[in-house]
Structures are given as structure tokens and as C-alpha cells.
Amino acid sequence: MVNPRTPVAQDHLGDGLHLLRFTGALYCRAELTAPWGVEFPELEGFMMLPVVLAGRCVLEIDGERHSLEAGSAALVTRGASHRLLSAADASSTPLFEIPVEQVSDTYEHMRFGGGGDRTQIAYAALQVDGPLSARLIQELPALIRVDAWDDGESGAFQTVLRLLAREAESIQPGGEAVMTSLADVLVVQVLRSWLRSSEPSATGWLTALRDPHIGRALGRMHARLDHDWTLVELAREANMSRSSFAERFTALVGEPPMRYLAAWRLEQARAELASTTDSIASISTRVGYASEASFGRAFKRHHGWTPGAVRREGGGFGIAALRPPPAASP
């Protein structure tokens, strides 16, 4: 079994995390004074990341309570409903019933609570965007906590956290852009922390990424979808014989390498059709198809929709769209 802490394995995990894509739907800077409680609804297809910048709180999820101190973060990987509370016995108010200062379509400032002890939280809700992100989430636990920001990488966690806390103290020019970018970085940092500390399972996509041979082939495949890969070339990238590579890849990933590649190309194409305005022809070329016609036929077989239909359907929605509009003035 490959040790996930080895530099070789970590390189391949880095390849995978580099391709993660999220669409920022809501970023919130919350100034909370005890007693307080915020109830977050279930949001399928989202990751939610509360980061405690000052004070403390209780996270309640799936019937369990977790204490979060300043410098702690929790990543709710599959959008499960949860509550953040000043204390375990505090009552809560649904998120979208709490008045906020709407700084932009996706960034808001919340002041809420009873006037007691202060807690400051930066909160991000990120819509999962792209096939790699969705596949990764399938293999993650429902909740990932980071309680100590000493990650052994020159204090990278601490540095990002300090920057986020400074931006959250007051609204500065460009502060929204800085906070949203830092929140995205923190999601990746939390995932890295979990990947370093978790033990790999016997099989699965993450286990394949950790494998020093299969992980290298996967990384190359993901990075160069436009290349006309052959089984021989991929085996060479993995430094394995063709038969050994095909057997090990299938055992870990659950399907043969060329079938995985074909499906991956079409999943990536669908994500690009929904999230960009690039032409169908250019997208088909980027995912390795010599002609738009052959791409269209393969796409329809795999997804059941034509590329044009997916383009017309468009992408997803943002959390901000769920917040009810303010009441009209009398």
C-alpha cells in the first residue's frame, strides 16, 4: 500500500486538487454576539466552510456537536443541513431569515445576536463545479474538521487565516475579492490536511491518485485531455507494463483506463458547456476529439443529451438566489 505521506504520492494528489473547480455562491463575514444560532439548510451540490476567526462556537450536524475555537475550520463536504451556535443550548434562526448587509450578489455582512460575547466567522458556500470536484466529494467524509492550523508547511494555514481575519475586520477596497479568493484557498488547504492524515482505502479514485504509478498516469490524463493517449503511452507514464498497468488501474478505479479516459473527456466537456461561452467546436478539440460531429455522437451516447441542449440549459444557481427579497417599504 502506498504511504500517502510520501512526496511522490502527494505530487499526484496535488495534480488532482489543482483541477478542483468551485463556483462561489455565498461568502459571509459574520459578527455574532451571544446568545446566537444560525441554521443552515441542506444545499445539495455545495461545500460549506465556516472558519472561526475570533471567539468560539458549536457546530451541530447529523446529531453530533463539535466545538470550534478561533483558528478552527469545518468543511461540510456534501451540503448537509447544520447549525452554528454560541452554546449547545442556544436556539437558532434560519439563515435566510437573518437580515444582512448585501455587499454584492455573493458577498454579505451579518451582524446578529444578543449582545454578549463576540464570535467572528468567515463563511463560504461553494457550488461544486466540474467532474473532478464531484468525483472527489463522493469519497470524502461528510465533515472534515481542522482544529490546529500548524500544517508543517511553513505555516501556510496560519498565513491564510491571518490574511482572512485581517480582511474580515473591516471592508476595504478589494476586500470582497480577497476574502473570496482566500476562502477558496482554505477549502483546498483543508482537503490537503485531510488527505495527509487519512489512511487510504483498498480501492477507489483517491487511492488511485495516491498510487505512485496509477496516480502519475491519472495526473497526466487529467492535464492533457486533448492528447491522443494510447494504453501503451499511459502505461509508460506509469512506468509499468501495459498489462500490469491496465490490471492495476481497473482494480483501483473500477473501470479500464481507456473507458475512464473517454468518460472523463465527456464529463469535462459537459462542465465546460454549462459554465463557459466557448464554442462547441473548441471544447470538443480541447477534450481530444478530431471532429465536432464525432464529439456530438459520443456526447449524446454518454449523457443522453446533445451538446447544444446542455449549452442551452446552462449552469447551476447561486445561494444568493435563495434568499428572499427584502420586504417592500410601506
Protein backbone atom coordinates (compact mmCIF):
# COMPACT_ATOMS: atom_id res chain seq x y z
CA MET A 1 0.00 0.00 0.00
CA VAL A 2 1.34 3.42 -0.91
CA ASN A 3 2.03 5.74 2.02
CA PRO A 4 0.02 8.96 1.40
CA ARG A 5 2.72 10.97 3.13
CA THR A 6 5.40 10.17 0.58
CA PRO A 7 6.40 13.08 -1.69
CA VAL A 8 5.64 11.07 -4.83
CA ALA A 9 2.07 10.31 -3.80
CA GLN A 10 1.49 13.87 -2.62
CA ASP A 11 2.52 15.18 -6.05
CA HIS A 12 -0.28 13.22 -7.69
CA LEU A 13 -2.80 14.30 -5.10
CA GLY A 14 -1.68 17.85 -5.83
CA ASP A 15 -2.39 17.25 -9.52
CA GLY A 16 -5.94 16.30 -8.61
CA LEU A 17 -6.54 19.21 -6.23
CA HIS A 18 -5.15 21.63 -8.82
CA LEU A 19 -8.06 20.72 -11.08
CA LEU A 20 -10.75 21.32 -8.45
CA ARG A 21 -13.34 23.87 -9.51
CA PHE A 22 -15.87 25.69 -7.34
CA THR A 23 -18.34 28.41 -8.14
CA GLY A 24 -18.54 30.85 -5.24
CA ALA A 25 -22.22 31.22 -4.37
CA LEU A 26 -22.06 32.92 -0.97
CA TYR A 27 -19.34 34.47 1.14
CA CYS A 28 -20.31 35.90 4.51
CA ARG A 29 -18.49 37.88 7.17
CA ALA A 30 -20.43 37.33 10.40
CA GLU A 31 -20.15 39.35 13.60
CA LEU A 32 -22.07 37.36 16.21
CA THR A 33 -22.76 38.15 19.87
CA ALA A 34 -24.08 35.61 22.36
CA PRO A 35 -26.60 34.19 22.52
CA TRP A 36 -26.93 33.39 18.84
CA GLY A 37 -27.63 30.49 16.49
CA VAL A 38 -27.76 30.18 12.72
CA GLU A 39 -29.46 27.27 10.97
CA PHE A 40 -28.13 26.42 7.51
CA PRO A 41 -30.39 24.50 5.11
CA GLU A 42 -29.37 21.44 3.12
CA LEU A 43 -27.82 22.55 -0.16
CA GLU A 44 -27.06 19.63 -2.47
CA GLY A 45 -24.05 20.17 -4.69
CA PHE A 46 -22.38 22.65 -2.33
CA MET A 47 -19.43 22.60 0.04
CA MET A 48 -19.79 24.85 3.08
CA LEU A 49 -16.83 26.19 5.05
CA PRO A 50 -17.18 28.08 8.35
CA VAL A 51 -13.88 29.45 9.70
CA VAL A 52 -13.80 30.79 13.27
CA LEU A 53 -11.65 33.92 13.30
CA ALA A 54 -12.36 35.04 16.88
CA GLY A 55 -14.25 33.58 19.81
CA ARG A 56 -15.78 30.11 19.73
CA CYS A 57 -18.92 28.28 18.65
CA VAL A 58 -20.60 24.89 18.46
CA LEU A 59 -21.22 23.13 15.15
CA GLU A 60 -24.21 20.77 15.24
CA ILE A 61 -24.53 18.34 12.33
CA ASP A 62 -26.08 14.88 11.96
CA GLY A 63 -26.99 14.81 15.65
CA GLU A 64 -23.41 15.46 16.79
CA ARG A 65 -21.87 18.60 18.28
CA HIS A 66 -18.34 19.85 17.64
CA SER A 67 -16.60 22.71 19.45
CA LEU A 68 -14.78 25.16 17.18
CA GLU A 69 -12.27 27.64 18.59
CA ALA A 70 -10.57 30.60 16.93
CA GLY A 71 -8.37 29.18 14.18
CA SER A 72 -10.63 26.18 13.56
CA ALA A 73 -12.48 25.35 10.38
CA ALA A 74 -15.04 22.76 9.33
CA LEU A 75 -15.74 21.68 5.77
CA VAL A 76 -19.26 20.33 5.21
CA THR A 77 -18.50 18.44 2.03
CA ARG A 78 -21.96 17.48 0.76
CA GLY A 79 -24.10 20.42 1.80
CA ALA A 80 -25.83 18.77 4.77
CA SER A 81 -28.02 20.95 6.97
CA HIS A 82 -26.26 22.11 10.13
CA ARG A 83 -26.34 24.73 12.86
CA LEU A 84 -23.70 27.09 14.25
CA LEU A 85 -24.43 28.08 17.86
CA SER A 86 -22.93 30.26 20.57
CA ALA A 87 -23.57 27.40 23.01
CA ALA A 88 -25.01 23.91 22.79
CA ASP A 89 -28.36 25.00 24.25
CA ALA A 90 -28.76 28.14 22.10
CA SER A 91 -31.78 28.46 19.85
CA SER A 92 -31.23 29.10 16.14
CA THR A 93 -32.72 31.20 13.35
CA PRO A 94 -32.82 30.01 9.71
CA LEU A 95 -30.04 31.61 7.67
CA PHE A 96 -32.30 33.30 5.16
CA GLU A 97 -34.42 34.91 7.89
CA ILE A 98 -31.46 36.85 9.32
CA PRO A 99 -31.06 40.40 7.96
CA VAL A 100 -27.71 41.05 6.30
CA GLU A 101 -25.85 43.86 4.60
CA GLN A 102 -25.69 42.76 0.96
CA VAL A 103 -22.28 43.94 -0.27
CA SER A 104 -22.63 42.21 -3.65
CA ASP A 105 -24.54 39.35 -5.26
CA THR A 106 -22.38 36.78 -3.48
CA TYR A 107 -20.84 38.65 -0.52
CA GLU A 108 -22.67 39.74 2.60
CA HIS A 109 -22.03 41.03 6.10
CA MET A 110 -24.07 39.67 9.00
CA ARG A 111 -24.46 41.24 12.45
CA PHE A 112 -26.58 39.09 14.71
CA GLY A 113 -27.07 38.05 18.33
CA GLY A 114 -27.93 39.13 21.84
CA GLY A 115 -25.04 41.47 22.62
CA GLY A 116 -22.86 39.14 24.71
CA ASP A 117 -19.52 37.51 23.96
CA ARG A 118 -18.33 38.12 20.40
CA THR A 119 -17.58 35.50 17.77
CA GLN A 120 -16.35 36.32 14.29
CA ILE A 121 -16.82 33.80 11.49
CA ALA A 122 -15.97 33.82 7.81
CA TYR A 123 -18.34 31.54 5.94
CA ALA A 124 -18.17 30.31 2.37
CA ALA A 125 -20.64 28.19 0.41
CA LEU A 126 -19.11 26.86 -2.79
CA GLN A 127 -21.00 25.17 -5.56
CA VAL A 128 -19.15 22.13 -6.85
CA ASP A 129 -18.20 22.73 -10.46
CA GLY A 130 -16.65 20.13 -12.71
CA PRO A 131 -16.42 16.34 -12.82
CA LEU A 132 -13.24 16.03 -10.78
CA SER A 133 -14.75 18.01 -7.91
CA ALA A 134 -17.88 15.85 -7.92
CA ARG A 135 -15.87 12.62 -8.02
CA LEU A 136 -13.65 13.74 -5.17
CA ILE A 137 -16.60 14.65 -2.96
CA GLN A 138 -18.05 11.15 -3.36
CA GLU A 139 -15.07 9.76 -1.45
CA LEU A 140 -14.83 12.40 1.29
CA PRO A 141 -16.39 12.15 4.75
CA ALA A 142 -19.44 14.35 5.30
CA LEU A 143 -17.47 16.62 7.67
CA ILE A 144 -13.78 17.48 7.80
CA ARG A 145 -12.50 19.48 10.78
CA VAL A 146 -9.20 21.29 11.11
CA ASP A 147 -8.55 22.25 14.72
CA ALA A 148 -4.90 23.30 14.59
CA TRP A 149 -3.55 25.43 11.79
CA ASP A 150 0.01 24.18 12.14
CA ASP A 151 0.27 22.11 8.98
CA GLY A 152 4.05 21.79 8.90
CA GLU A 153 4.24 23.64 5.57
CA SER A 154 5.82 26.89 6.75
CA GLY A 155 2.58 27.82 8.50
CA ALA A 156 0.56 28.06 5.29
CA PHE A 157 -2.72 27.60 7.17
CA GLN A 158 -1.82 30.26 9.69
CA THR A 159 -0.79 32.70 6.99
CA VAL A 160 -4.04 32.35 5.05
CA LEU A 161 -6.06 32.53 8.27
CA ARG A 162 -4.32 35.74 9.38
CA LEU A 163 -4.98 37.32 6.00
CA LEU A 164 -8.63 36.29 6.14
CA ALA A 165 -9.03 37.65 9.68
CA ARG A 166 -7.46 40.97 8.70
CA GLU A 167 -9.77 41.36 5.70
CA ALA A 168 -12.78 40.47 7.84
CA GLU A 169 -12.08 43.23 10.38
CA SER A 170 -13.35 45.95 8.06
CA ILE A 171 -14.50 46.37 4.49
CA GLN A 172 -11.58 47.68 2.45
CA PRO A 173 -11.35 48.38 -1.28
CA GLY A 174 -10.99 45.00 -2.97
CA GLY A 175 -11.75 43.20 0.28
CA GLU A 176 -14.53 41.12 -1.23
CA ALA A 177 -12.23 39.74 -3.93
CA VAL A 178 -9.51 38.98 -1.37
CA MET A 179 -11.86 37.20 1.05
CA THR A 180 -13.48 35.07 -1.63
CA SER A 181 -10.09 34.04 -3.03
CA LEU A 182 -8.78 33.18 0.42
CA ALA A 183 -11.87 31.09 1.17
CA ASP A 184 -11.26 29.07 -1.99
CA VAL A 185 -7.64 28.53 -0.94
CA LEU A 186 -8.75 27.39 2.52
CA VAL A 187 -11.01 24.71 1.04
CA VAL A 188 -8.03 23.21 -0.75
CA GLN A 189 -5.89 23.54 2.39
CA VAL A 190 -8.49 21.67 4.45
CA LEU A 191 -8.64 18.92 1.84
CA ARG A 192 -4.85 18.64 1.82
CA SER A 193 -4.82 18.34 5.60
CA TRP A 194 -7.37 15.53 5.48
CA LEU A 195 -5.56 13.72 2.67
CA ARG A 196 -2.31 13.81 4.63
CA SER A 197 -3.86 12.42 7.80
CA SER A 198 -6.33 9.87 6.40
CA GLU A 199 -5.48 6.29 5.63
CA PRO A 200 -6.14 5.16 2.06
CA SER A 201 -8.82 2.57 1.39
CA ALA A 202 -8.08 -0.59 -0.57
CA THR A 203 -9.62 0.77 -3.78
CA GLY A 204 -11.19 3.97 -5.08
CA TRP A 205 -10.35 7.06 -7.06
CA LEU A 206 -8.46 8.78 -4.23
CA THR A 207 -6.47 5.62 -3.60
CA ALA A 208 -5.60 5.55 -7.29
CA LEU A 209 -4.38 9.17 -7.07
CA ARG A 210 -2.17 8.22 -4.12
CA ASP A 211 -0.65 5.31 -6.02
CA PRO A 212 2.81 6.34 -7.32
CA HIS A 213 2.21 4.62 -10.68
CA ILE A 214 -1.51 4.96 -11.38
CA GLY A 215 -1.56 8.44 -9.83
CA ARG A 216 1.02 9.69 -12.32
CA ALA A 217 -0.97 8.35 -15.27
CA LEU A 218 -4.18 9.91 -13.92
CA GLY A 219 -2.49 13.25 -13.42
CA ARG A 220 -1.17 13.28 -16.99
CA MET A 221 -4.54 12.18 -18.34
CA HIS A 222 -6.42 14.94 -16.50
CA ALA A 223 -3.92 17.62 -17.51
CA ARG A 224 -3.81 16.73 -21.23
CA LEU A 225 -7.27 15.66 -22.32
CA ASP A 226 -6.53 16.87 -25.86
CA HIS A 227 -3.68 14.39 -26.28
CA ASP A 228 -4.32 11.24 -28.31
CA TRP A 229 -3.49 8.89 -25.47
CA THR A 230 -2.92 5.19 -26.07
CA LEU A 231 -2.78 2.44 -23.48
CA VAL A 232 0.92 1.98 -24.25
CA GLU A 233 1.68 5.66 -23.57
CA LEU A 234 -0.26 5.70 -20.32
CA ALA A 235 1.50 2.54 -19.15
CA ARG A 236 4.81 4.21 -19.98
CA GLU A 237 3.82 7.26 -17.89
CA ALA A 238 3.09 4.86 -15.01
CA ASN A 239 6.41 3.06 -15.55
CA MET A 240 4.57 -0.24 -15.85
CA SER A 241 3.96 -2.86 -18.49
CA ARG A 242 0.75 -2.43 -20.47
CA SER A 243 -0.95 -5.48 -18.95
CA SER A 244 0.10 -4.67 -15.37
CA PHE A 245 -1.00 -1.07 -15.76
CA ALA A 246 -4.41 -1.98 -17.18
CA GLU A 247 -4.99 -4.55 -14.43
CA ARG A 248 -3.97 -2.27 -11.56
CA PHE A 249 -5.82 0.75 -12.96
CA THR A 250 -9.03 -1.26 -13.31
CA ALA A 251 -8.70 -2.72 -9.81
CA LEU A 252 -8.25 0.71 -8.19
CA VAL A 253 -10.52 2.94 -10.29
CA GLY A 254 -13.21 0.39 -11.10
CA GLU A 255 -13.03 0.63 -14.90
CA PRO A 256 -10.35 0.18 -17.59
CA PRO A 257 -8.11 3.18 -18.35
CA MET A 258 -9.36 3.93 -21.87
CA ARG A 259 -13.01 3.75 -20.79
CA TYR A 260 -12.22 6.07 -17.87
CA LEU A 261 -10.48 8.50 -20.23
CA ALA A 262 -13.41 8.54 -22.67
CA ALA A 263 -15.93 9.20 -19.89
CA TRP A 264 -13.70 11.79 -18.26
CA ARG A 265 -13.41 13.74 -21.53
CA LEU A 266 -17.18 13.86 -21.91
CA GLU A 267 -17.76 14.84 -18.27
CA GLN A 268 -15.26 17.67 -18.63
CA ALA A 269 -16.91 18.75 -21.87
CA ARG A 270 -20.30 18.93 -20.18
CA ALA A 271 -18.88 21.09 -17.39
CA GLU A 272 -17.35 23.49 -19.92
CA LEU A 273 -20.53 23.66 -21.99
CA ALA A 274 -22.51 24.64 -18.90
CA SER A 275 -20.02 27.14 -17.48
CA THR A 276 -18.36 28.84 -20.48
CA THR A 277 -19.36 30.52 -23.72
CA ASP A 278 -16.65 28.75 -25.73
CA SER A 279 -17.84 27.20 -28.97
CA ILE A 280 -18.76 23.53 -29.08
CA ALA A 281 -16.05 23.01 -31.69
CA SER A 282 -13.31 24.45 -29.46
CA ILE A 283 -14.48 22.42 -26.45
CA SER A 284 -14.56 19.22 -28.49
CA THR A 285 -10.95 19.86 -29.57
CA ARG A 286 -9.82 20.54 -26.00
CA VAL A 287 -11.18 17.20 -24.82
CA GLY A 288 -9.48 15.22 -27.56
CA TYR A 289 -11.98 14.88 -30.42
CA ALA A 290 -10.81 15.32 -34.01
CA SER A 291 -14.22 16.46 -35.24
CA GLU A 292 -17.26 18.16 -33.76
CA ALA A 293 -19.50 15.51 -35.32
CA SER A 294 -17.76 12.58 -33.60
CA PHE A 295 -17.78 14.52 -30.35
CA GLY A 296 -21.52 15.16 -30.67
CA ARG A 297 -22.30 11.48 -31.23
CA ALA A 298 -20.16 10.35 -28.28
CA PHE A 299 -21.61 13.07 -26.05
CA LYS A 300 -25.19 12.06 -26.84
CA ARG A 301 -24.43 8.37 -26.13
CA HIS A 302 -22.83 9.20 -22.79
CA HIS A 303 -25.13 11.92 -21.44
CA GLY A 304 -28.38 11.32 -23.33
CA TRP A 305 -28.39 15.00 -24.35
CA THR A 306 -26.75 16.78 -27.26
CA PRO A 307 -24.00 19.34 -26.54
CA GLY A 308 -26.33 22.07 -27.77
CA ALA A 309 -29.03 21.06 -25.30
CA VAL A 310 -26.58 21.23 -22.41
CA ARG A 311 -25.38 24.63 -23.57
CA ARG A 312 -28.96 25.95 -23.64
CA GLU A 313 -29.67 24.51 -20.18
CA GLY A 314 -26.72 26.40 -18.72
CA GLY A 315 -25.11 26.07 -15.32
CA GLY A 316 -26.39 26.00 -11.79
CA PHE A 317 -27.51 28.73 -9.41
CA GLY A 318 -26.09 30.66 -6.54
CA ILE A 319 -27.16 30.56 -2.93
CA ALA A 320 -27.91 34.27 -3.02
CA ALA A 321 -30.82 33.49 -5.33
CA LEU A 322 -32.42 31.51 -2.49
CA ARG A 323 -32.50 34.46 -0.10
CA PRO A 324 -35.96 36.05 -0.15
CA PRO A 325 -36.08 39.61 -1.46
CA PRO A 326 -36.44 42.36 1.14
CA ALA A 327 -39.96 43.37 2.02
CA ALA A 328 -41.29 46.35 0.14
CA SER A 329 -41.42 49.63 2.05
CA PRO A 330 -44.93 50.62 3.17
